[in-house]
N, C-alpha and C. Protein backbone atom coordinates (compact mmCIF):
# COMPACT_ATOMS: atom_id res chain seq x y z
N MET A 1 20.48 -16.89 21.69
CA MET A 1 20.58 -15.80 20.60
C MET A 1 19.68 -14.77 20.22
N LEU A 2 20.32 -13.49 20.12
CA LEU A 2 19.40 -12.77 20.04
C LEU A 2 18.44 -12.68 18.44
N PRO A 3 17.57 -12.33 18.59
CA PRO A 3 16.98 -11.98 17.22
C PRO A 3 17.33 -10.76 16.21
N PRO A 4 17.41 -11.15 14.94
CA PRO A 4 17.90 -9.80 14.46
C PRO A 4 17.38 -8.69 14.14
N PRO A 5 18.14 -7.71 14.08
CA PRO A 5 17.52 -6.15 14.27
C PRO A 5 16.23 -6.13 13.14
N VAL A 6 15.53 -5.73 13.60
CA VAL A 6 14.22 -4.99 12.68
C VAL A 6 14.92 -4.41 11.94
N THR A 7 14.70 -4.30 10.60
CA THR A 7 15.07 -3.36 9.43
C THR A 7 13.39 -2.83 8.86
N SER A 8 13.79 -1.27 8.56
CA SER A 8 12.43 -0.95 7.97
C SER A 8 12.83 -1.30 6.67
N PRO A 9 11.12 -1.75 5.56
CA PRO A 9 11.50 -1.83 4.48
C PRO A 9 12.03 -0.43 3.59
N VAL A 10 12.82 -0.83 2.70
CA VAL A 10 13.46 0.05 1.58
C VAL A 10 12.66 0.13 0.53
N CYS A 11 11.85 1.38 0.52
CA CYS A 11 10.80 1.79 -0.68
C CYS A 11 11.64 2.22 -1.85
N PHE A 12 12.91 2.76 -1.54
CA PHE A 12 13.43 3.37 -2.83
C PHE A 12 14.95 3.79 -2.62
N GLU A 13 15.63 3.28 -3.33
CA GLU A 13 17.13 3.55 -2.91
C GLU A 13 17.83 3.79 -4.40
N ASN A 14 18.83 4.49 -4.24
CA ASN A 14 19.57 5.18 -5.33
C ASN A 14 20.92 5.73 -4.75
N SER A 15 22.13 6.14 -5.53
CA SER A 15 23.17 6.69 -4.90
C SER A 15 23.05 7.99 -4.02
N LEU A 16 22.49 8.24 -4.22
CA LEU A 16 21.91 9.78 -2.97
C LEU A 16 21.70 9.53 -1.75
N ALA A 17 20.40 8.69 -1.96
CA ALA A 17 19.54 8.38 -0.91
C ALA A 17 19.03 7.00 -0.93
N VAL A 18 18.44 6.94 0.51
CA VAL A 18 17.51 5.65 0.85
C VAL A 18 16.29 6.22 1.24
N ILE A 19 14.98 5.72 1.15
CA ILE A 19 13.69 6.04 1.50
C ILE A 19 13.23 5.06 1.87
N THR A 20 12.93 4.76 3.51
CA THR A 20 12.32 3.58 4.13
C THR A 20 10.82 3.72 4.47
N GLU A 21 10.15 2.76 4.91
CA GLU A 21 9.20 3.08 5.40
C GLU A 21 8.90 2.79 6.67
N GLU A 22 8.86 3.51 7.55
CA GLU A 22 9.07 3.30 9.17
C GLU A 22 7.23 2.91 9.38
N ARG A 23 7.58 1.77 9.67
CA ARG A 23 6.03 1.11 9.84
C ARG A 23 5.53 1.64 11.46
N GLU A 24 6.39 1.57 12.16
CA GLU A 24 6.17 1.88 13.64
C GLU A 24 5.51 3.01 13.84
N GLY A 25 5.71 4.38 12.97
CA GLY A 25 5.25 5.35 13.29
C GLY A 25 4.34 6.34 12.15
N ALA A 26 4.31 4.82 11.11
CA ALA A 26 3.71 5.35 9.93
C ALA A 26 4.12 6.27 9.33
N TYR A 27 5.37 6.44 9.10
CA TYR A 27 6.11 7.56 8.31
C TYR A 27 7.17 7.17 7.32
N VAL A 28 7.01 7.79 6.57
CA VAL A 28 8.37 7.65 4.91
C VAL A 28 9.37 8.27 5.61
N GLN A 29 10.71 7.85 5.75
CA GLN A 29 11.80 8.83 5.98
C GLN A 29 12.89 8.78 4.82
N VAL A 30 13.24 9.85 4.65
CA VAL A 30 14.40 9.97 3.46
C VAL A 30 15.84 10.08 4.17
N VAL A 31 16.66 9.32 4.10
CA VAL A 31 18.15 9.40 4.60
C VAL A 31 18.86 9.71 3.31
N TRP A 32 19.87 10.75 3.46
CA TRP A 32 20.26 11.12 2.22
C TRP A 32 21.99 10.48 2.71
N LYS A 33 22.65 10.21 1.83
CA LYS A 33 23.89 9.72 2.07
C LYS A 33 25.18 10.68 1.76
N GLN A 34 25.88 10.52 2.38
CA GLN A 34 27.59 11.52 2.25
C GLN A 34 28.04 11.37 0.58
N THR A 35 27.45 11.66 -0.26
CA THR A 35 27.75 11.43 -1.72
C THR A 35 27.49 12.94 -2.71
N PRO A 36 28.31 13.18 -3.57
CA PRO A 36 28.25 14.35 -4.52
C PRO A 36 26.79 14.31 -4.86
N TRP A 37 26.14 15.41 -4.81
CA TRP A 37 24.68 15.98 -5.23
C TRP A 37 24.42 16.68 -6.34
N THR A 38 23.55 16.42 -7.47
CA THR A 38 22.91 17.12 -8.24
C THR A 38 21.64 17.11 -7.99
N LEU A 39 20.68 18.33 -8.71
CA LEU A 39 19.58 18.52 -8.30
C LEU A 39 18.68 17.58 -9.42
N THR A 40 19.27 16.99 -10.53
CA THR A 40 18.43 16.03 -10.77
C THR A 40 18.54 14.57 -10.19
N ALA A 41 19.34 14.30 -9.26
CA ALA A 41 19.69 13.15 -8.73
C ALA A 41 18.94 13.45 -7.49
N ALA A 42 18.36 14.73 -6.87
CA ALA A 42 17.57 14.88 -5.72
C ALA A 42 16.44 14.87 -6.31
N GLN A 43 15.97 15.30 -7.32
CA GLN A 43 14.43 15.61 -7.68
C GLN A 43 13.84 13.83 -7.97
N VAL A 44 15.33 12.71 -8.38
CA VAL A 44 14.63 11.80 -8.61
C VAL A 44 14.45 10.63 -7.27
N VAL A 45 14.94 11.55 -6.33
CA VAL A 45 14.90 10.64 -4.96
C VAL A 45 13.35 11.53 -3.87
N LEU A 46 13.35 12.55 -4.37
CA LEU A 46 11.78 13.23 -3.90
C LEU A 46 10.63 12.82 -4.90
N ASN A 47 10.76 12.42 -6.37
CA ASN A 47 9.75 11.66 -6.87
C ASN A 47 9.65 10.63 -6.34
N GLY A 48 10.70 9.56 -5.88
CA GLY A 48 10.64 8.48 -5.04
C GLY A 48 9.46 8.49 -3.68
N VAL A 49 9.92 9.92 -2.93
CA VAL A 49 9.23 9.70 -1.77
C VAL A 49 7.48 9.58 -2.12
N LEU A 50 7.05 10.51 -3.51
CA LEU A 50 5.90 10.37 -3.50
C LEU A 50 4.99 8.95 -3.98
N ALA A 51 6.17 8.14 -4.52
CA ALA A 51 5.81 6.71 -4.87
C ALA A 51 5.40 5.92 -3.91
N CYS A 52 6.35 6.41 -2.57
CA CYS A 52 6.33 5.63 -1.31
C CYS A 52 5.34 6.23 -0.65
N VAL A 53 4.72 7.41 -0.63
CA VAL A 53 3.82 8.06 -0.17
C VAL A 53 2.27 7.44 -0.18
N GLN A 54 2.32 7.09 -1.82
CA GLN A 54 1.40 6.95 -2.50
C GLN A 54 0.96 5.33 -2.22
N HIS A 55 2.29 4.51 -1.98
CA HIS A 55 2.29 2.83 -1.79
C HIS A 55 1.78 2.91 -0.31
N THR A 56 2.09 3.50 0.54
CA THR A 56 1.77 3.13 1.95
C THR A 56 0.44 3.72 2.39
N GLY A 57 0.10 5.09 1.67
CA GLY A 57 -1.10 5.90 2.25
C GLY A 57 -0.58 6.36 3.20
N TRP A 58 0.70 6.56 3.71
CA TRP A 58 1.00 7.65 4.77
C TRP A 58 1.58 8.94 4.48
N GLY A 59 1.17 10.08 5.36
CA GLY A 59 0.82 11.41 4.72
C GLY A 59 2.39 12.14 5.43
N LYS A 60 2.75 11.15 6.57
CA LYS A 60 3.91 11.93 7.32
C LYS A 60 5.59 11.67 6.96
N ILE A 61 6.05 12.36 6.38
CA ILE A 61 7.37 12.43 6.12
C ILE A 61 8.64 13.08 6.85
N LEU A 62 9.58 12.43 6.88
CA LEU A 62 10.66 12.72 8.00
C LEU A 62 12.13 12.83 7.10
N VAL A 63 12.81 14.01 6.60
CA VAL A 63 13.63 14.17 5.84
C VAL A 63 14.88 15.09 6.63
N LYS A 64 15.96 14.18 6.71
CA LYS A 64 17.15 14.92 7.37
C LYS A 64 17.82 15.52 5.77
N GLN A 65 17.81 16.52 5.92
CA GLN A 65 17.84 17.63 4.85
C GLN A 65 19.25 17.15 4.52
N VAL A 66 19.64 17.21 3.07
CA VAL A 66 20.50 17.08 2.22
C VAL A 66 21.88 17.83 2.62
N PRO A 67 23.10 17.28 3.09
CA PRO A 67 24.01 17.41 3.76
C PRO A 67 25.03 18.12 2.50
N LEU A 68 24.54 19.44 2.51
CA LEU A 68 25.51 20.47 1.44
C LEU A 68 25.94 21.50 1.91
N LEU A 69 26.79 22.28 1.18
CA LEU A 69 27.40 23.58 1.96
C LEU A 69 26.45 24.77 1.83
N SER A 70 25.60 24.72 0.81
CA SER A 70 24.65 25.78 0.46
C SER A 70 23.36 25.23 -0.07
N PHE A 71 21.93 26.06 0.32
CA PHE A 71 20.72 25.37 0.04
C PHE A 71 20.57 25.92 -1.28
N PRO A 72 20.51 25.06 -2.45
CA PRO A 72 20.57 25.73 -3.39
C PRO A 72 19.34 26.56 -4.18
N VAL A 73 19.23 27.76 -4.83
CA VAL A 73 18.01 28.24 -5.33
C VAL A 73 17.24 27.24 -5.99
N SER A 74 17.61 26.61 -6.85
CA SER A 74 17.14 25.64 -8.03
C SER A 74 16.06 24.73 -7.10
N TYR A 75 17.37 24.02 -5.88
CA TYR A 75 16.58 23.07 -5.18
C TYR A 75 15.32 23.49 -4.51
N HIS A 76 15.60 24.40 -4.11
CA HIS A 76 14.55 25.49 -3.05
C HIS A 76 12.98 26.21 -4.12
N THR A 77 13.30 26.21 -5.16
CA THR A 77 12.88 26.74 -6.11
C THR A 77 11.56 25.21 -6.55
N TRP A 78 12.31 24.46 -7.04
CA TRP A 78 11.76 23.26 -7.38
C TRP A 78 10.59 22.76 -6.28
N LEU A 79 11.07 22.27 -4.97
CA LEU A 79 10.63 21.94 -3.62
C LEU A 79 9.36 22.34 -3.77
N LEU A 80 9.45 23.95 -3.40
CA LEU A 80 8.04 24.41 -3.33
C LEU A 80 7.03 24.79 -4.39
N TYR A 81 7.39 24.93 -5.73
CA TYR A 81 6.42 25.00 -6.81
C TYR A 81 6.28 23.98 -7.90
N ASP A 82 7.16 22.90 -7.75
CA ASP A 82 6.92 21.61 -8.28
C ASP A 82 6.31 20.31 -7.36
N TRP A 83 7.50 20.02 -6.75
CA TRP A 83 7.50 19.04 -5.82
C TRP A 83 6.41 18.92 -4.61
N LEU A 84 6.17 20.10 -3.93
CA LEU A 84 5.06 20.21 -2.97
C LEU A 84 3.91 20.27 -3.23
N PRO A 85 3.40 20.56 -4.31
CA PRO A 85 1.83 20.74 -4.78
C PRO A 85 1.47 18.80 -5.19
N ARG A 86 2.76 18.23 -5.63
CA ARG A 86 2.29 16.84 -5.92
C ARG A 86 2.44 16.30 -4.74
N ALA A 87 3.39 16.67 -4.18
CA ALA A 87 3.45 15.42 -2.74
C ALA A 87 1.96 16.03 -2.15
N GLN A 88 1.51 17.13 -1.90
CA GLN A 88 -0.30 17.11 -1.24
C GLN A 88 -1.08 16.58 -1.89
N ALA A 89 -0.90 16.66 -3.17
CA ALA A 89 -1.91 15.51 -4.36
C ALA A 89 -1.70 14.25 -3.77
N ALA A 90 -0.63 13.61 -3.60
CA ALA A 90 -0.31 12.41 -3.51
C ALA A 90 -0.87 12.08 -2.26
N GLY A 91 -0.94 13.06 -1.34
CA GLY A 91 -1.29 12.73 0.45
C GLY A 91 -0.42 13.00 1.40
N ALA A 92 0.47 13.44 1.04
CA ALA A 92 1.49 14.13 2.03
C ALA A 92 1.19 15.39 2.80
N TRP A 93 1.22 15.43 3.80
CA TRP A 93 0.47 16.29 5.00
C TRP A 93 1.60 16.52 5.91
N CYS A 94 2.25 16.30 6.39
CA CYS A 94 3.03 16.20 7.64
C CYS A 94 4.58 16.54 7.47
N TYR A 95 5.50 17.38 7.53
CA TYR A 95 6.63 16.95 7.34
C TYR A 95 7.55 17.43 8.42
N ALA A 96 8.70 16.61 8.98
CA ALA A 96 9.27 16.73 10.13
C ALA A 96 10.90 16.76 9.30
N LEU A 97 11.65 17.81 9.62
CA LEU A 97 12.79 18.45 8.75
C LEU A 97 13.98 18.51 9.72
N ILE A 98 15.07 17.61 9.56
CA ILE A 98 16.26 18.18 10.36
C ILE A 98 17.13 18.99 9.03
N PRO A 99 17.46 20.27 10.05
CA PRO A 99 17.87 20.99 9.00
C PRO A 99 19.50 20.55 8.72
N PRO A 100 20.00 20.85 7.72
CA PRO A 100 21.71 21.05 7.39
C PRO A 100 22.34 21.61 8.51
N HIS A 101 23.77 21.18 8.63
CA HIS A 101 24.71 22.27 9.79
C HIS A 101 25.49 23.38 9.36
N GLY A 102 25.45 22.99 8.02
CA GLY A 102 26.59 24.34 7.50
C GLY A 102 25.77 25.63 7.58
N LEU A 103 26.16 27.01 7.92
CA LEU A 103 25.95 28.20 8.06
C LEU A 103 25.42 28.49 6.70
N PHE A 104 25.51 28.44 5.26
CA PHE A 104 25.50 28.71 4.17
C PHE A 104 23.72 28.09 3.94
N ALA A 105 23.96 26.54 4.28
CA ALA A 105 22.86 25.72 4.01
C ALA A 105 21.85 26.04 5.22
N ARG A 106 21.98 26.48 6.20
CA ARG A 106 20.82 26.94 7.20
C ARG A 106 20.28 28.41 6.80
N VAL A 107 20.89 29.02 6.27
CA VAL A 107 20.53 30.45 5.83
C VAL A 107 19.51 30.09 4.99
N GLY A 108 19.57 29.60 3.46
CA GLY A 108 19.03 28.89 2.63
C GLY A 108 17.83 28.12 3.08
N PHE A 109 18.03 27.41 4.09
CA PHE A 109 16.69 26.62 4.17
C PHE A 109 15.75 27.33 5.38
N ALA A 110 16.35 28.29 5.87
CA ALA A 110 15.55 29.08 7.04
C ALA A 110 14.12 30.08 5.81
N ASP A 111 14.88 30.27 4.70
CA ASP A 111 14.01 30.68 3.69
C ASP A 111 13.02 29.97 3.08
N PHE A 112 13.50 28.80 2.70
CA PHE A 112 12.83 27.75 2.05
C PHE A 112 11.56 27.38 3.25
N LEU A 113 12.13 27.54 4.36
CA LEU A 113 10.67 26.79 5.68
C LEU A 113 9.97 28.12 5.59
N THR A 114 10.20 29.15 5.61
CA THR A 114 9.42 30.42 5.83
C THR A 114 8.21 30.26 4.76
N GLN A 115 8.94 30.05 3.37
CA GLN A 115 8.02 29.93 2.03
C GLN A 115 7.00 29.01 2.37
N LEU A 116 7.79 27.46 2.81
CA LEU A 116 6.88 26.42 3.03
C LEU A 116 5.48 26.79 4.05
N ARG A 117 5.99 27.38 4.95
CA ARG A 117 4.99 27.67 5.60
C ARG A 117 3.73 28.44 5.68
N GLN A 118 4.49 29.64 4.58
CA GLN A 118 3.25 30.45 3.73
C GLN A 118 2.57 29.61 2.85
N GLN A 119 3.13 28.68 2.34
CA GLN A 119 2.08 27.86 1.50
C GLN A 119 1.29 26.87 2.24
N GLY A 120 1.22 26.95 3.51
CA GLY A 120 0.48 26.61 5.01
C GLY A 120 0.96 24.94 4.99
N ALA A 121 2.13 24.41 4.63
CA ALA A 121 2.49 22.88 4.70
C ALA A 121 2.61 23.16 6.85
N CYS A 122 2.12 21.42 6.91
CA CYS A 122 2.35 21.39 8.52
C CYS A 122 3.87 20.64 8.48
N CYS A 123 4.83 21.84 8.97
CA CYS A 123 6.05 21.13 9.18
C CYS A 123 6.78 21.68 10.51
N TYR A 124 7.40 20.69 10.96
CA TYR A 124 8.28 20.87 12.30
C TYR A 124 9.96 20.75 11.95
N VAL A 125 10.55 21.81 12.58
CA VAL A 125 12.06 21.72 12.42
C VAL A 125 12.41 21.16 13.85
N ALA A 126 13.24 19.68 13.54
CA ALA A 126 13.64 19.31 14.76
C ALA A 126 15.17 19.45 14.54
N THR A 127 15.87 18.98 15.92
CA THR A 127 17.31 18.80 16.20
C THR A 127 17.67 17.50 15.91
N SER A 128 17.12 16.68 16.29
CA SER A 128 17.39 15.24 16.21
C SER A 128 16.38 14.28 15.68
N GLN A 129 16.92 12.99 15.36
CA GLN A 129 15.94 12.07 15.08
C GLN A 129 14.52 11.90 15.73
N ALA A 130 15.32 11.33 17.11
CA ALA A 130 14.40 11.48 18.04
C ALA A 130 13.10 12.16 18.15
N GLN A 131 13.79 13.77 17.95
CA GLN A 131 12.71 14.28 18.30
C GLN A 131 11.62 14.77 17.11
N ALA A 132 12.20 14.72 16.03
CA ALA A 132 11.42 14.47 14.51
C ALA A 132 10.06 13.20 14.83
N VAL A 133 10.92 12.14 15.03
CA VAL A 133 9.89 10.83 15.77
C VAL A 133 8.87 11.32 16.35
N ALA A 134 8.97 11.70 17.60
CA ALA A 134 8.10 12.13 18.37
C ALA A 134 7.34 13.16 18.20
N TRP A 135 7.41 14.12 17.31
CA TRP A 135 6.66 15.31 16.82
C TRP A 135 5.62 14.75 15.97
N LEU A 136 6.26 13.68 14.96
CA LEU A 136 5.32 13.12 13.89
C LEU A 136 4.32 12.07 14.50
N ALA A 137 4.68 11.26 15.89
CA ALA A 137 3.90 10.58 16.19
C ALA A 137 2.72 11.37 16.76
N GLU A 138 2.55 12.52 17.69
CA GLU A 138 1.63 13.46 17.94
C GLU A 138 0.87 13.87 16.86
N GLN A 139 1.34 13.97 15.29
CA GLN A 139 0.43 14.65 14.46
C GLN A 139 -0.71 13.55 14.20
N ILE A 140 -2.13 14.36 14.23
CA ILE A 140 -3.16 13.89 13.68
C ILE A 140 -4.02 14.48 12.37
N PRO A 141 -4.11 13.51 11.16
CA PRO A 141 -4.50 14.12 10.04
C PRO A 141 -6.07 14.94 10.59
N ALA A 142 -6.30 16.28 9.74
CA ALA A 142 -7.71 16.89 10.27
C ALA A 142 -8.83 16.21 9.87
N ILE A 143 -8.91 15.33 9.23
CA ILE A 143 -9.92 14.39 9.19
C ILE A 143 -10.37 13.71 10.33
N LYS A 144 -8.86 12.92 11.03
CA LYS A 144 -9.58 12.11 12.29
C LYS A 144 -9.85 12.99 13.61
N LYS A 145 -9.19 14.12 13.32
CA LYS A 145 -8.85 15.34 14.44
C LYS A 145 -10.81 15.37 14.95
N ASN A 146 -11.44 15.48 13.40
CA ASN A 146 -12.97 16.02 13.93
C ASN A 146 -13.95 14.70 14.44
N ILE A 147 -13.36 13.66 14.01
CA ILE A 147 -13.88 12.47 14.33
C ILE A 147 -14.35 12.25 15.86
């Protein structure tokens, strides 16, 4: 008899997404569901990420971007100027991002990514889950690098 599959602890879940604690890589993962999206619901999810980062003490986050046809400016602005400073204050420092597939969403995401990097965020755009996880595994906080 095979042992049951190992499942990651769920830190937060709502109709839009599930946030899991990936203990093996010590990162928080956001998995968006295929469901109608609103900015308010997305804000609840990403505020859940902050609670999860604080709970685990892990600063690494993997996000497969929201499956939207476009990357709304309101979401983009909120992420950069409201959520990101709070994420950094909570201890988040490293972001692996899997971009959306839609053309218009990719254009908006590219602009967001440029501004994210201008704010000094440590981020990586991956083409797959495996690539994102591998990159996160290589990242070491600046404090630990100097020891």
